[in-house]
N, C-alpha and C. Protein backbone atom coordinates (compact mmCIF):
# COMPACT_ATOMS: atom_id res chain seq x y z
N MET A 1 130.01 39.79 69.87
CA MET A 1 129.50 41.08 70.43
C MET A 1 128.40 40.58 71.47
N ASP A 2 128.12 40.43 72.25
CA ASP A 2 127.22 40.38 72.96
C ASP A 2 125.85 41.36 72.61
N ASP A 3 124.87 40.31 72.72
CA ASP A 3 123.54 40.55 71.96
C ASP A 3 123.15 41.72 72.81
N ASN A 4 123.25 41.93 74.05
CA ASN A 4 122.50 42.84 75.05
C ASN A 4 123.47 44.34 74.69
N LEU A 5 124.45 44.13 74.28
CA LEU A 5 125.40 45.27 74.66
C LEU A 5 125.13 46.84 73.92
N ARG A 6 124.11 46.49 72.74
CA ARG A 6 123.64 47.71 72.09
C ARG A 6 122.48 48.39 72.51
N PRO A 7 121.64 47.73 73.25
CA PRO A 7 120.68 47.99 74.10
C PRO A 7 121.19 49.17 75.19
N LYS A 8 122.20 48.07 75.58
CA LYS A 8 122.87 49.03 77.19
C LYS A 8 123.43 50.16 76.75
N LEU A 9 124.19 50.38 75.73
CA LEU A 9 124.57 51.55 74.87
C LEU A 9 123.75 52.61 74.91
N GLN A 10 122.73 51.78 74.03
CA GLN A 10 121.73 52.88 73.65
C GLN A 10 120.66 53.58 74.98
N LEU A 11 120.68 52.85 76.16
CA LEU A 11 120.26 53.13 77.65
C LEU A 11 121.01 54.43 77.77
N VAL A 12 122.65 54.26 77.93
CA VAL A 12 123.54 55.11 78.35
C VAL A 12 123.32 56.77 77.65
N TRP A 13 123.43 56.53 76.02
CA TRP A 13 122.91 57.34 75.33
C TRP A 13 121.50 58.35 75.66
N GLY A 14 120.50 57.67 75.99
CA GLY A 14 119.27 58.06 76.31
C GLY A 14 119.13 58.75 77.43
N VAL A 15 119.97 58.34 78.37
CA VAL A 15 120.36 59.19 79.91
C VAL A 15 121.00 60.57 79.85
N LEU A 16 122.29 60.24 78.51
CA LEU A 16 122.80 61.55 78.20
C LEU A 16 122.27 62.60 77.63
N LEU A 17 121.22 61.94 76.68
CA LEU A 17 119.89 63.25 76.11
C LEU A 17 119.33 64.08 77.14
N VAL A 18 118.74 63.03 78.00
CA VAL A 18 117.82 63.30 78.85
C VAL A 18 118.50 64.50 79.94
N LEU A 19 119.83 64.38 80.40
CA LEU A 19 120.45 65.11 81.29
C LEU A 19 120.98 66.38 80.16
N ALA A 20 121.27 66.07 78.89
CA ALA A 20 121.55 67.26 78.44
C ALA A 20 120.20 68.54 78.11
N GLY A 21 119.13 67.97 78.13
CA GLY A 21 117.83 68.52 77.82
C GLY A 21 117.50 69.09 79.06
N GLY A 22 117.70 68.67 80.33
CA GLY A 22 117.56 68.97 81.75
C GLY A 22 118.31 70.47 81.78
N GLY A 23 119.92 69.88 81.26
CA GLY A 23 120.84 70.98 81.57
C GLY A 23 120.63 72.50 80.80
N MET A 24 119.89 72.01 79.49
CA MET A 24 119.48 73.18 78.89
C MET A 24 118.43 74.08 79.28
N PHE A 25 117.58 73.65 80.35
CA PHE A 25 116.61 74.23 80.85
C PHE A 25 116.96 75.06 81.80
N PHE A 26 118.64 74.56 82.59
CA PHE A 26 119.10 75.23 83.82
C PHE A 26 119.86 76.23 83.11
N ARG A 27 120.05 76.07 82.05
CA ARG A 27 121.50 77.15 81.42
C ARG A 27 120.74 78.35 80.66
N ILE A 28 119.32 78.19 79.95
CA ILE A 28 118.94 79.17 79.08
C ILE A 28 118.65 80.24 79.91
N PRO A 29 118.29 80.12 80.90
CA PRO A 29 117.50 81.50 81.85
C PRO A 29 119.10 82.25 82.18
N GLN A 30 120.68 81.71 82.29
CA GLN A 30 121.60 82.19 82.59
C GLN A 30 122.42 82.61 81.25
N VAL A 31 122.14 82.00 80.19
CA VAL A 31 122.53 82.73 78.96
C VAL A 31 121.67 83.85 78.09
N MET A 32 120.54 83.87 78.22
CA MET A 32 119.68 84.87 77.63
C MET A 32 120.13 86.07 77.80
N PRO A 33 119.86 86.61 79.00
CA PRO A 33 120.72 88.03 79.07
C PRO A 33 122.51 88.46 78.15
N GLN A 34 123.07 87.26 78.31
CA GLN A 34 124.28 87.77 77.34
C GLN A 34 123.83 87.97 75.91
N ILE A 35 122.77 87.06 75.35
CA ILE A 35 122.56 87.33 74.21
C ILE A 35 121.63 88.63 73.99
N LYS A 36 121.11 88.95 74.94
CA LYS A 36 120.02 90.04 74.75
C LYS A 36 120.85 91.42 74.60
N GLN A 37 122.17 91.48 74.79
CA GLN A 37 123.11 92.43 74.93
C GLN A 37 123.45 92.69 73.59
N ILE A 38 123.46 91.75 72.76
CA ILE A 38 123.82 91.69 71.41
C ILE A 38 122.72 92.46 70.53
N GLU A 39 123.00 93.71 70.06
CA GLU A 39 121.99 94.22 69.39
C GLU A 39 121.24 93.80 68.20
N TYR A 40 121.87 93.03 67.40
CA TYR A 40 121.80 92.19 66.07
C TYR A 40 120.49 91.05 66.74
N PHE A 41 120.37 90.86 67.85
CA PHE A 41 119.41 89.47 67.94
C PHE A 41 118.34 90.33 68.91
N ALA A 42 118.20 91.53 69.10
CA ALA A 42 117.37 92.18 69.87
C ALA A 42 115.91 91.86 69.54
N ALA A 43 115.77 92.19 68.17
CA ALA A 43 114.47 92.06 67.56
C ALA A 43 113.59 90.51 67.60
N VAL A 44 114.86 89.65 67.62
CA VAL A 44 114.25 88.12 67.50
C VAL A 44 114.65 87.35 68.81
N ILE A 45 114.26 88.02 70.05
CA ILE A 45 114.56 87.33 71.22
C ILE A 45 113.46 86.16 71.72
N PRO A 46 111.97 86.70 71.38
CA PRO A 46 111.24 85.54 71.53
C PRO A 46 111.52 84.24 70.67
N PHE A 47 111.59 84.48 69.74
CA PHE A 47 112.29 83.55 68.93
C PHE A 47 113.36 82.39 69.01
N ILE A 48 114.42 83.17 69.57
CA ILE A 48 115.47 82.08 70.34
C ILE A 48 115.55 81.46 71.32
N TYR A 49 114.37 82.50 72.41
CA TYR A 49 113.60 81.71 73.56
C TYR A 49 113.15 80.38 73.36
N PHE A 50 111.92 80.83 72.02
CA PHE A 50 111.01 79.26 71.55
C PHE A 50 112.04 78.34 70.90
N CYS A 51 113.26 78.95 70.32
CA CYS A 51 114.20 77.72 69.82
C CYS A 51 115.15 76.84 70.70
N MET A 52 115.38 77.45 71.57
CA MET A 52 116.38 76.95 72.65
C MET A 52 115.47 75.92 73.54
N TYR A 53 114.12 76.33 73.86
CA TYR A 53 113.26 75.57 74.57
C TYR A 53 112.67 74.43 73.98
N PHE A 54 112.66 74.41 72.52
CA PHE A 54 112.14 73.82 71.71
C PHE A 54 113.48 72.49 71.48
N VAL A 55 114.46 72.44 71.56
CA VAL A 55 115.62 71.39 71.30
C VAL A 55 115.49 70.76 72.68
N ALA A 56 115.77 71.70 73.87
CA ALA A 56 115.50 71.28 75.24
C ALA A 56 114.58 70.17 75.35
N VAL A 57 113.25 70.37 74.65
CA VAL A 57 112.33 69.38 75.03
C VAL A 57 112.05 68.31 73.98
N PHE A 58 112.99 68.67 72.98
CA PHE A 58 112.83 67.31 72.04
C PHE A 58 114.65 66.43 72.25
N LEU A 59 115.35 66.82 73.28
CA LEU A 59 116.36 66.11 73.83
C LEU A 59 115.76 65.31 74.71
N ILE A 60 114.91 65.86 75.81
CA ILE A 60 114.35 64.94 76.74
C ILE A 60 113.21 64.10 76.33
N ALA A 61 112.75 64.43 75.37
CA ALA A 61 111.72 63.46 74.99
C ALA A 61 112.66 62.46 73.93
N GLY A 62 113.40 62.74 73.19
CA GLY A 62 113.93 61.62 72.28
C GLY A 62 114.98 60.75 73.66
N GLY A 63 115.54 61.54 74.23
CA GLY A 63 116.20 60.25 75.26
C GLY A 63 115.29 59.63 76.30
N ALA A 64 113.97 59.80 76.55
CA ALA A 64 113.01 59.18 77.34
C ALA A 64 112.77 58.40 76.14
N ARG A 65 112.17 58.55 75.28
CA ARG A 65 111.61 57.53 74.12
C ARG A 65 112.75 56.37 73.90
N LYS A 66 114.11 56.48 74.14
CA LYS A 66 115.26 55.70 74.02
C LYS A 66 115.34 54.72 75.08
N LEU A 67 115.12 55.65 76.07
CA LEU A 67 114.84 54.43 77.42
C LEU A 67 114.09 53.72 77.64
N TYR A 68 113.10 54.18 77.25
CA TYR A 68 111.96 53.22 77.36
C TYR A 68 111.72 52.06 76.30
N LEU A 69 112.24 52.40 74.89
CA LEU A 69 112.22 51.41 73.81
C LEU A 69 113.25 50.41 74.33
N ASN A 70 114.56 51.03 74.63
CA ASN A 70 115.63 50.05 75.09
C ASN A 70 115.37 49.29 76.40
N THR A 71 115.06 49.96 77.18
CA THR A 71 114.49 49.11 78.35
C THR A 71 113.81 47.79 78.12
N LYS A 72 112.53 48.09 77.33
CA LYS A 72 111.80 47.39 76.84
C LYS A 72 112.47 45.98 76.23
N ARG A 73 113.40 46.56 75.48
CA ARG A 73 114.29 45.51 74.50
C ARG A 73 115.04 44.33 75.46
N LEU A 74 115.65 45.16 76.66
CA LEU A 74 116.13 44.37 77.29
C LEU A 74 115.34 43.41 78.47
N LYS A 75 114.52 43.88 78.56
CA LYS A 75 113.77 43.07 79.53
C LYS A 75 112.54 41.91 78.23
N SER A 76 112.37 42.04 77.19
CA SER A 76 111.81 40.87 76.57
C SER A 76 112.80 40.60 75.54
N ASP A 77 113.87 40.91 75.56
CA ASP A 77 114.84 39.96 74.36
C ASP A 77 114.50 40.15 73.21
N THR A 78 113.30 40.88 72.73
CA THR A 78 113.05 41.22 71.38
C THR A 78 113.39 42.46 70.51
N PRO A 79 113.49 42.60 69.60
CA PRO A 79 113.53 44.09 69.04
C PRO A 79 112.08 44.48 69.16
N PRO A 80 112.13 46.11 69.88
CA PRO A 80 110.64 46.69 69.61
C PRO A 80 110.63 47.44 68.31
N LYS A 81 109.08 47.43 67.93
CA LYS A 81 109.05 47.97 66.68
C LYS A 81 109.56 49.77 66.73
N ARG A 82 110.01 49.51 65.44
CA ARG A 82 110.45 51.29 64.86
C ARG A 82 109.74 52.47 64.46
């Protein structure tokens, strides 16, 4: 197996994480009006907003970290510190 295959796959995974986080930022404003219509969630709407944006930020940050570390690994051919 190619030694550079794993970092390349991790780069793809990092891009997918960043795209998923970005997609959440665009999707949250479209979905929240539907969630607001559910009476059970009416009291916790601010918390739901916080949780959804929190997940989006961490998807982007995790993907960016993965992109940074694996790009560094591919350029230097040595494993970065974890």
